[in-house]
N, C-alpha and C. Protein backbone atom coordinates (compact mmCIF):
# COMPACT_ATOMS: atom_id res chain seq x y z
N MET A 1 -16.76 -3.35 34.03
CA MET A 1 -14.93 -3.45 33.72
C MET A 1 -14.70 -3.92 32.53
N TRP A 2 -13.88 -3.63 31.73
CA TRP A 2 -13.47 -4.64 30.48
C TRP A 2 -12.34 -5.64 31.25
N LYS A 3 -12.36 -6.95 30.41
CA LYS A 3 -11.38 -7.80 30.65
C LYS A 3 -10.72 -7.93 29.19
N ILE A 4 -9.30 -7.20 29.30
CA ILE A 4 -8.99 -7.40 27.79
C ILE A 4 -8.24 -8.45 27.70
N VAL A 5 -8.95 -9.07 26.50
CA VAL A 5 -8.64 -10.49 26.15
C VAL A 5 -7.38 -10.36 25.06
N PHE A 6 -7.26 -9.24 24.47
CA PHE A 6 -6.48 -9.00 23.24
C PHE A 6 -6.50 -7.37 22.74
N ALA A 7 -5.29 -6.91 22.43
CA ALA A 7 -5.09 -5.42 22.03
C ALA A 7 -4.05 -5.46 20.74
N ARG A 8 -4.76 -4.91 19.81
CA ARG A 8 -3.92 -4.61 18.76
C ARG A 8 -4.03 -3.37 17.84
N ILE A 9 -2.68 -2.83 17.33
CA ILE A 9 -2.74 -1.78 16.68
C ILE A 9 -2.89 -2.15 15.13
N ASP A 10 -3.80 -1.83 14.59
CA ASP A 10 -4.01 -1.95 12.98
C ASP A 10 -4.58 -0.86 12.46
N ASP A 11 -4.26 -0.14 11.28
CA ASP A 11 -4.89 1.31 10.91
C ASP A 11 -6.11 0.72 10.00
N ARG A 12 -5.92 -0.44 9.80
CA ARG A 12 -7.30 -0.82 8.76
C ARG A 12 -8.23 -1.22 10.01
N LEU A 13 -8.24 -1.38 11.27
CA LEU A 13 -9.20 -1.65 12.37
C LEU A 13 -9.81 -2.91 11.89
N ILE A 14 -11.22 -3.14 11.79
CA ILE A 14 -11.96 -4.34 11.40
C ILE A 14 -11.60 -4.53 9.89
N HIS A 15 -11.14 -5.66 9.73
CA HIS A 15 -10.92 -6.13 8.40
C HIS A 15 -10.94 -7.85 8.50
N GLY A 16 -11.09 -8.39 7.08
CA GLY A 16 -11.11 -9.96 6.83
C GLY A 16 -10.23 -10.75 7.95
N GLN A 17 -8.81 -10.27 7.85
CA GLN A 17 -8.11 -11.28 8.88
C GLN A 17 -8.49 -10.87 10.54
N VAL A 18 -8.55 -9.88 10.80
CA VAL A 18 -8.72 -9.66 12.34
C VAL A 18 -10.18 -10.48 12.52
N MET A 19 -11.09 -10.39 11.68
CA MET A 19 -12.60 -11.07 11.93
C MET A 19 -12.06 -12.71 11.78
N THR A 20 -11.61 -12.82 10.73
CA THR A 20 -11.66 -14.46 10.54
C THR A 20 -10.66 -15.30 11.16
N ARG A 21 -9.59 -14.59 11.58
CA ARG A 21 -8.63 -15.34 12.28
C ARG A 21 -8.36 -14.88 13.81
N TRP A 22 -8.30 -13.88 13.93
CA TRP A 22 -7.85 -13.34 15.63
C TRP A 22 -8.92 -13.64 15.95
N MET A 23 -10.23 -13.23 15.81
CA MET A 23 -11.50 -13.44 16.55
C MET A 23 -11.79 -14.95 17.16
N LYS A 24 -11.45 -15.95 16.16
CA LYS A 24 -11.72 -17.27 16.52
C LYS A 24 -11.25 -17.75 18.01
N GLY A 25 -10.03 -16.77 18.44
CA GLY A 25 -9.69 -17.30 19.81
C GLY A 25 -10.35 -16.70 20.75
N PHE A 26 -11.36 -15.64 20.40
CA PHE A 26 -11.88 -14.66 21.45
C PHE A 26 -13.32 -14.92 20.91
N PRO A 27 -14.35 -16.06 21.17
CA PRO A 27 -15.41 -15.93 20.60
C PRO A 27 -16.64 -15.04 21.33
N LYS A 28 -16.14 -15.08 22.65
CA LYS A 28 -17.19 -14.07 23.56
C LYS A 28 -16.84 -12.80 23.49
N ALA A 29 -15.78 -12.43 22.96
CA ALA A 29 -15.39 -10.95 23.17
C ALA A 29 -15.92 -9.88 22.07
N SER A 30 -16.17 -8.68 22.81
CA SER A 30 -16.75 -7.76 21.92
C SER A 30 -15.65 -6.94 21.41
N ILE A 31 -15.91 -6.46 20.37
CA ILE A 31 -14.79 -5.59 19.76
C ILE A 31 -14.81 -4.21 20.21
N VAL A 32 -13.59 -3.42 20.86
CA VAL A 32 -13.74 -2.06 21.06
C VAL A 32 -12.92 -1.43 20.35
N ILE A 33 -13.09 -0.43 19.58
CA ILE A 33 -12.21 0.54 19.03
C ILE A 33 -12.02 1.88 19.76
N ILE A 34 -10.84 2.07 19.83
CA ILE A 34 -10.74 3.14 20.68
C ILE A 34 -9.90 4.36 19.56
N ASP A 35 -10.71 5.42 18.88
CA ASP A 35 -10.08 6.25 18.21
C ASP A 35 -10.92 7.71 18.22
N ASP A 36 -10.15 8.73 18.46
CA ASP A 36 -10.91 9.77 18.81
C ASP A 36 -11.67 10.62 17.54
N GLU A 37 -11.15 10.15 16.57
CA GLU A 37 -11.65 10.70 15.05
C GLU A 37 -13.13 9.78 14.67
N LEU A 38 -12.77 8.60 14.73
CA LEU A 38 -13.90 7.34 14.50
C LEU A 38 -14.96 7.69 15.57
N ALA A 39 -14.93 8.00 16.54
CA ALA A 39 -16.05 8.13 17.67
C ALA A 39 -16.87 9.21 17.24
N VAL A 40 -16.67 10.09 16.56
CA VAL A 40 -17.62 11.53 16.42
C VAL A 40 -18.04 11.13 14.80
N ASP A 41 -17.70 10.13 14.14
CA ASP A 41 -18.03 9.77 12.60
C ASP A 41 -19.13 8.75 12.35
N GLU A 42 -20.39 8.82 12.82
CA GLU A 42 -21.37 7.87 12.72
C GLU A 42 -21.32 7.07 11.48
N PHE A 43 -21.14 7.76 10.30
CA PHE A 43 -21.51 6.69 8.96
C PHE A 43 -20.19 6.01 9.09
N MET A 44 -18.82 6.23 9.49
CA MET A 44 -17.98 5.17 9.63
C MET A 44 -18.20 4.12 10.79
N LYS A 45 -18.49 4.50 12.08
CA LYS A 45 -19.09 3.74 12.88
C LYS A 45 -19.96 2.63 12.44
N ASN A 46 -20.54 3.04 11.60
CA ASN A 46 -22.03 2.20 11.13
C ASN A 46 -20.88 0.99 10.18
N ILE A 47 -20.28 1.57 9.15
CA ILE A 47 -19.38 0.71 8.42
C ILE A 47 -18.75 -0.25 9.21
N TYR A 48 -17.82 -0.10 10.44
CA TYR A 48 -17.11 -0.85 11.14
C TYR A 48 -17.86 -1.90 12.01
N THR A 49 -19.18 -1.44 12.27
CA THR A 49 -20.44 -2.37 13.16
C THR A 49 -20.67 -3.48 11.85
N MET A 50 -20.83 -2.95 10.67
CA MET A 50 -21.68 -3.86 9.81
C MET A 50 -20.08 -4.88 9.41
N ALA A 51 -19.11 -4.39 9.46
CA ALA A 51 -18.05 -5.60 9.11
C ALA A 51 -17.56 -6.44 10.12
N ALA A 52 -18.29 -6.37 11.22
CA ALA A 52 -17.78 -7.36 12.23
C ALA A 52 -18.77 -8.74 12.06
N PRO A 53 -18.42 -9.76 12.36
CA PRO A 53 -19.40 -11.20 12.21
C PRO A 53 -20.58 -11.07 12.86
N PRO A 54 -21.60 -11.51 12.41
CA PRO A 54 -22.84 -11.62 13.19
C PRO A 54 -22.53 -12.16 14.75
N GLY A 55 -23.34 -11.20 15.30
CA GLY A 55 -23.24 -11.67 16.87
C GLY A 55 -22.29 -10.81 17.66
N VAL A 56 -21.10 -10.15 16.98
CA VAL A 56 -20.20 -9.62 17.55
C VAL A 56 -20.40 -8.21 17.74
N LYS A 57 -20.25 -7.62 18.92
CA LYS A 57 -20.66 -6.13 19.08
C LYS A 57 -19.59 -5.57 18.90
N VAL A 58 -19.72 -4.31 18.36
CA VAL A 58 -18.49 -3.38 18.14
C VAL A 58 -18.95 -2.08 18.85
N LYS A 59 -17.89 -1.42 19.50
CA LYS A 59 -18.20 -0.46 20.30
C LYS A 59 -17.03 0.43 19.92
N VAL A 60 -17.49 1.73 20.05
CA VAL A 60 -16.37 2.78 19.53
C VAL A 60 -16.31 3.82 20.49
N PHE A 61 -15.12 4.19 20.88
CA PHE A 61 -14.96 5.35 21.93
C PHE A 61 -13.77 5.92 21.45
N GLY A 62 -13.74 7.37 22.11
CA GLY A 62 -12.73 8.20 22.21
C GLY A 62 -11.82 7.91 22.92
N VAL A 63 -10.47 8.46 23.25
CA VAL A 63 -9.73 8.04 24.35
C VAL A 63 -10.41 8.59 25.73
N ASP A 64 -10.81 9.72 25.85
CA ASP A 64 -11.32 9.97 27.26
C ASP A 64 -12.62 9.25 27.69
N ALA A 65 -13.49 9.07 26.71
CA ALA A 65 -14.99 8.26 27.00
C ALA A 65 -14.52 6.73 27.16
N ALA A 66 -13.53 6.20 26.79
CA ALA A 66 -12.88 4.62 26.85
C ALA A 66 -12.40 4.71 28.10
N LEU A 67 -11.60 5.57 28.52
CA LEU A 67 -10.73 5.39 30.22
C LEU A 67 -12.13 5.67 31.05
N LYS A 68 -13.07 6.53 30.83
CA LYS A 68 -14.38 6.47 31.81
C LYS A 68 -15.20 5.34 31.80
N GLU A 69 -15.21 4.66 30.43
CA GLU A 69 -16.09 3.13 30.27
C GLU A 69 -15.43 2.18 31.25
N TRP A 70 -13.89 2.15 31.00
CA TRP A 70 -12.75 1.25 31.88
C TRP A 70 -13.17 1.37 33.14
N SER A 71 -13.32 2.59 33.68
CA SER A 71 -13.01 2.85 35.18
C SER A 71 -14.64 2.28 36.06
N GLN A 72 -15.57 2.41 34.94
CA GLN A 72 -16.70 2.06 35.54
C GLN A 72 -16.74 0.57 36.27
N LYS A 73 -17.21 0.47 37.65
CA LYS A 73 -17.00 -0.68 38.45
C LYS A 73 -18.48 -1.17 38.12
N THR A 74 -18.45 -2.71 37.49
CA THR A 74 -19.64 -3.59 37.55
C THR A 74 -19.34 -4.91 37.78
N SER A 75 -20.14 -5.58 38.01
CA SER A 75 -19.89 -7.12 38.58
C SER A 75 -19.51 -8.03 37.40
N VAL A 76 -19.94 -7.67 36.18
CA VAL A 76 -19.50 -8.57 35.18
C VAL A 76 -18.58 -7.72 34.34
N GLU A 77 -17.32 -8.54 34.17
CA GLU A 77 -16.36 -8.17 33.37
C GLU A 77 -16.68 -8.71 31.74
N GLU A 78 -16.65 -7.61 30.91
CA GLU A 78 -16.85 -7.97 29.58
C GLU A 78 -15.49 -8.10 28.75
N GLU A 79 -15.73 -9.32 28.08
CA GLU A 79 -14.28 -9.49 27.31
C GLU A 79 -14.13 -8.70 25.87
N VAL A 80 -13.01 -8.08 26.00
CA VAL A 80 -13.34 -7.15 24.92
C VAL A 80 -11.80 -6.99 24.26
N PHE A 81 -11.70 -7.21 22.76
CA PHE A 81 -10.76 -7.07 21.78
C PHE A 81 -10.62 -5.60 21.60
N LEU A 82 -9.49 -5.21 21.79
CA LEU A 82 -9.05 -3.82 21.69
C LEU A 82 -8.65 -3.60 20.40
N LEU A 83 -8.95 -2.47 19.61
CA LEU A 83 -8.45 -2.17 18.37
C LEU A 83 -7.69 -0.39 18.51
N PHE A 84 -6.70 -0.34 18.02
CA PHE A 84 -6.23 1.01 18.00
C PHE A 84 -5.85 1.20 16.53
N LYS A 85 -6.00 2.61 16.06
CA LYS A 85 -5.81 2.76 14.51
C LYS A 85 -4.23 3.15 14.68
N ASN A 86 -3.65 3.48 15.57
CA ASN A 86 -2.30 4.07 15.66
C ASN A 86 -1.48 4.17 16.97
N ILE A 87 -0.25 4.10 17.40
CA ILE A 87 0.33 3.74 18.54
C ILE A 87 0.18 5.04 19.16
N ASP A 88 0.14 6.13 18.92
CA ASP A 88 -0.04 7.39 19.98
C ASP A 88 -1.48 7.03 20.42
N THR A 89 -2.66 6.79 20.04
CA THR A 89 -3.53 6.24 20.84
C THR A 89 -3.65 5.34 21.69
N CYS A 90 -3.11 4.41 21.51
CA CYS A 90 -2.74 3.34 22.17
C CYS A 90 -2.08 4.13 23.67
N LYS A 91 -0.75 4.54 23.26
CA LYS A 91 0.21 5.19 24.61
C LYS A 91 -0.86 6.04 25.26
N ARG A 92 -1.88 7.04 24.69
CA ARG A 92 -2.60 7.72 25.45
C ARG A 92 -3.56 6.98 26.47
N VAL A 93 -3.92 6.09 25.97
CA VAL A 93 -4.93 5.38 26.61
C VAL A 93 -4.18 4.69 27.75
N MET A 94 -3.17 3.83 27.44
CA MET A 94 -2.17 3.42 28.64
C MET A 94 -1.79 4.39 29.75
N ASP A 95 -1.46 5.41 29.30
CA ASP A 95 -1.04 6.37 30.17
C ASP A 95 -1.86 7.09 31.12
N GLY A 96 -3.79 6.67 30.37
CA GLY A 96 -4.50 7.09 31.31
C GLY A 96 -5.02 5.98 32.17
N GLY A 97 -4.37 4.90 32.19
CA GLY A 97 -4.56 3.67 33.33
C GLY A 97 -5.18 2.63 32.71
N LEU A 98 -5.22 2.19 31.60
CA LEU A 98 -5.84 1.28 31.13
C LEU A 98 -4.57 0.05 30.97
N PRO A 99 -4.70 -0.95 31.49
CA PRO A 99 -3.85 -1.79 31.69
C PRO A 99 -3.77 -2.89 30.46
N ILE A 100 -2.70 -2.98 29.58
CA ILE A 100 -2.39 -3.78 28.34
C ILE A 100 -1.23 -4.64 28.83
N ALA A 101 -1.53 -5.94 28.88
CA ALA A 101 -0.13 -7.23 29.01
C ALA A 101 0.75 -7.18 28.06
N THR A 102 0.01 -7.25 26.96
CA THR A 102 0.42 -7.86 25.70
C THR A 102 -0.16 -6.92 24.27
N LEU A 103 0.69 -6.57 23.44
CA LEU A 103 -0.03 -5.50 22.54
C LEU A 103 0.73 -5.77 21.21
N ASN A 104 -0.29 -6.30 20.17
CA ASN A 104 -0.26 -6.97 18.74
C ASN A 104 -0.05 -5.74 18.12
N ILE A 105 1.19 -5.54 16.99
CA ILE A 105 1.11 -4.80 16.16
C ILE A 105 0.89 -5.31 14.76
N GLY A 106 -0.40 -4.84 14.28
CA GLY A 106 -0.71 -5.76 12.84
C GLY A 106 -0.53 -5.24 11.91
N GLY A 107 -1.13 -3.97 11.51
CA GLY A 107 -1.03 -3.02 10.24
C GLY A 107 -0.51 -1.81 10.67
N VAL A 108 0.56 -1.27 10.20
CA VAL A 108 1.00 0.20 10.31
C VAL A 108 1.41 0.34 8.77
N ALA A 109 0.77 1.13 8.14
CA ALA A 109 1.27 1.63 6.44
C ALA A 109 2.34 2.19 6.40
N LYS A 110 3.07 1.83 5.19
CA LYS A 110 4.24 2.28 4.74
C LYS A 110 4.18 3.83 4.35
N THR A 111 5.25 4.69 5.08
CA THR A 111 5.13 6.29 4.65
C THR A 111 6.39 6.37 4.38
N PRO A 112 6.70 7.47 3.75
CA PRO A 112 8.30 7.93 3.40
C PRO A 112 9.18 7.86 4.73
N GLN A 113 8.59 7.86 5.83
CA GLN A 113 9.30 8.31 7.43
C GLN A 113 9.34 6.93 8.15
N ARG A 114 8.58 5.85 7.44
CA ARG A 114 8.75 4.42 7.82
C ARG A 114 9.67 3.56 7.61
N LYS A 115 10.20 2.56 8.17
CA LYS A 115 10.82 1.65 7.69
C LYS A 115 10.04 0.26 7.58
N GLY A 116 10.34 -0.29 6.46
CA GLY A 116 9.08 -1.51 6.30
C GLY A 116 9.86 -2.68 7.28
N ILE A 117 9.04 -3.28 8.29
CA ILE A 117 9.56 -4.10 9.30
C ILE A 117 9.07 -5.89 8.64
N SER A 118 7.73 -5.71 8.22
CA SER A 118 7.34 -6.87 7.63
C SER A 118 6.22 -6.59 6.69
N GLN A 119 5.62 -7.60 6.41
CA GLN A 119 4.50 -7.35 4.86
C GLN A 119 3.62 -6.35 5.14
N SER A 120 3.15 -6.17 6.49
CA SER A 120 2.30 -5.30 6.88
C SER A 120 2.30 -4.14 7.93
N VAL A 121 3.59 -4.38 8.59
CA VAL A 121 3.94 -3.22 9.46
C VAL A 121 5.41 -2.52 9.09
N SER A 122 4.76 -0.98 8.73
CA SER A 122 6.42 -0.26 8.87
C SER A 122 6.28 0.83 10.09
N LEU A 123 7.57 1.25 10.59
CA LEU A 123 7.76 1.94 11.82
C LEU A 123 8.72 2.71 11.60
N SER A 124 8.34 4.02 12.12
CA SER A 124 9.23 5.09 12.22
C SER A 124 10.00 5.11 13.53
N GLU A 125 11.36 5.74 13.71
CA GLU A 125 12.00 5.65 14.63
C GLU A 125 11.14 6.10 16.12
N ASP A 126 10.45 7.01 15.87
CA ASP A 126 9.47 7.49 16.85
C ASP A 126 8.42 6.77 17.42
N GLU A 127 7.83 5.92 16.44
CA GLU A 127 7.06 5.33 16.83
C GLU A 127 7.61 3.95 17.56
N VAL A 128 8.90 3.54 17.25
CA VAL A 128 9.29 2.78 18.06
C VAL A 128 10.01 2.99 19.16
N LYS A 129 10.16 4.29 19.49
CA LYS A 129 10.43 4.90 20.81
C LYS A 129 9.48 4.67 21.67
N THR A 130 8.43 5.26 21.00
CA THR A 130 7.10 5.06 22.07
C THR A 130 6.87 3.76 22.36
N LEU A 131 6.99 2.92 21.17
CA LEU A 131 6.50 1.01 21.85
C LEU A 131 7.71 0.64 23.08
N LEU A 132 8.87 1.34 22.97
CA LEU A 132 9.80 1.08 23.66
C LEU A 132 9.55 1.62 25.17
N GLU A 133 9.28 2.74 25.14
CA GLU A 133 8.69 3.56 26.29
C GLU A 133 7.42 2.80 27.07
N LEU A 134 6.49 2.15 26.33
CA LEU A 134 5.31 1.40 26.71
C LEU A 134 5.90 -0.39 27.44
N LYS A 135 6.74 -0.64 26.78
CA LYS A 135 7.37 -1.80 27.04
C LYS A 135 7.88 -1.68 28.27
N THR A 136 8.76 -0.62 28.48
CA THR A 136 9.84 -0.42 30.01
C THR A 136 8.93 0.34 30.92
N LYS A 137 7.92 1.08 30.62
CA LYS A 137 6.96 1.59 31.61
C LYS A 137 5.83 0.97 32.02
N TYR A 138 5.31 0.19 31.24
CA TYR A 138 4.19 -0.80 32.00
C TYR A 138 4.57 -2.14 31.75
N ASN A 139 5.55 -2.58 31.29
CA ASN A 139 5.79 -3.86 31.02
C ASN A 139 5.22 -4.38 30.16
N VAL A 140 4.79 -4.15 28.74
CA VAL A 140 3.70 -4.65 28.04
C VAL A 140 4.66 -5.38 27.09
N ASP A 141 4.31 -6.84 26.74
CA ASP A 141 5.02 -7.55 25.77
C ASP A 141 4.23 -6.79 24.14
N VAL A 142 5.46 -6.32 23.46
CA VAL A 142 5.16 -5.85 22.18
C VAL A 142 5.57 -6.75 21.30
N TYR A 143 4.91 -6.82 20.25
CA TYR A 143 5.22 -7.95 19.12
C TYR A 143 4.47 -7.51 17.97
N LEU A 144 4.94 -7.85 16.95
CA LEU A 144 4.48 -7.81 15.61
C LEU A 144 3.81 -9.20 15.09
N GLN A 145 2.77 -9.27 14.49
CA GLN A 145 2.17 -10.55 14.02
C GLN A 145 1.08 -10.27 13.26
N MET A 146 0.77 -10.51 12.12
CA MET A 146 -0.31 -10.19 10.89
C MET A 146 -1.44 -11.03 11.54
N ILE A 147 -1.35 -12.46 11.64
CA ILE A 147 -2.40 -13.26 11.82
C ILE A 147 -1.75 -14.43 12.95
N PRO A 148 -2.55 -15.10 13.55
CA PRO A 148 -2.15 -16.03 14.87
C PRO A 148 -0.83 -17.20 14.24
N ASP A 149 -1.23 -17.45 12.89
CA ASP A 149 -0.06 -18.33 12.41
C ASP A 149 1.04 -17.89 11.82
N SER A 150 1.35 -16.65 11.66
CA SER A 150 2.16 -16.16 11.22
C SER A 150 3.33 -15.82 12.18
N GLU A 151 4.86 -15.75 11.76
CA GLU A 151 5.79 -15.57 12.77
C GLU A 151 5.45 -13.92 13.72
N LYS A 152 5.93 -14.50 14.79
CA LYS A 152 5.66 -13.48 16.00
C LYS A 152 7.14 -12.78 15.81
N ILE A 153 7.02 -11.36 15.62
CA ILE A 153 8.34 -10.76 15.93
C ILE A 153 8.29 -9.70 16.87
N HIS A 154 9.47 -10.34 18.11
CA HIS A 154 9.30 -9.31 19.27
C HIS A 154 9.75 -7.76 18.93
N LEU A 155 9.35 -6.93 19.62
CA LEU A 155 9.95 -5.89 19.55
C LEU A 155 11.52 -5.50 19.53
N THR A 156 12.31 -6.35 20.62
CA THR A 156 13.51 -6.40 20.50
C THR A 156 14.05 -6.64 19.43
N THR A 157 13.42 -7.85 18.81
CA THR A 157 14.09 -8.00 17.49
C THR A 157 13.88 -7.02 16.45
N VAL A 158 12.70 -6.10 16.36
CA VAL A 158 12.69 -5.11 15.39
C VAL A 158 13.95 -4.14 15.98
N VAL A 159 14.32 -3.81 16.79
CA VAL A 159 15.16 -2.54 17.49
C VAL A 159 16.60 -3.33 16.96
N GLU A 160 16.81 -4.45 17.05
CA GLU A 160 18.30 -4.97 16.74
C GLU A 160 18.54 -4.63 15.39
N LYS A 161 17.57 -5.34 14.72
CA LYS A 161 17.43 -5.38 13.08
C LYS A 161 17.24 -4.46 12.41
N TYR A 162 16.28 -3.45 12.72
CA TYR A 162 15.84 -1.93 11.95
C TYR A 162 16.54 -0.99 12.60
N PHE A 163 16.67 -0.73 13.92
CA PHE A 163 17.06 0.66 14.82
C PHE A 163 17.93 0.21 15.63
N PRO A 164 19.15 -0.09 15.44
CA PRO A 164 20.15 -0.65 16.47
C PRO A 164 20.54 0.54 17.14
N GLU A 165 20.42 1.72 16.56
CA GLU A 165 20.70 3.07 17.45
C GLU A 165 19.78 3.59 18.45
N LEU A 166 18.66 2.52 18.62
CA LEU A 166 17.87 2.98 19.80
C LEU A 166 18.37 1.87 21.02
N LYS A 167 19.24 1.05 20.81
CA LYS A 167 19.20 -0.04 21.95
C LYS A 167 20.11 0.51 23.07
């Protein structure tokens, strides 16, 4: 069974900031990426594995395989740093029973449908609705924060400032 030490949505997945800043706080953790497309792409899985610091294990699962892995009962809890490419995948995993207490939104690219919230995070109204649903349904603390020493912006602040119609 996994001991989730950090959960992050970042469409870049493993990149310099994740490795150099966030992983310092979790030196024993393996990286677990949950993404259906990446799980079947051996070439890209190898790229992400090579992007991790030396000694850090990287595992890639599709949603169903991740939920199966989570449900396996073992005597040793493996510390994991969860990475999701998008909000919908995170929701599917949580709806499937994976408990996430805090959720960091670290990188969501700007598109015409999304409003820029911070330097690295843009969100659509539908994505904010999904995050609000997760917050309410699973009591998860959702916040935006690029790196550990940058400002933490809680979901309630995002809604008040950028999506007041969702209050």
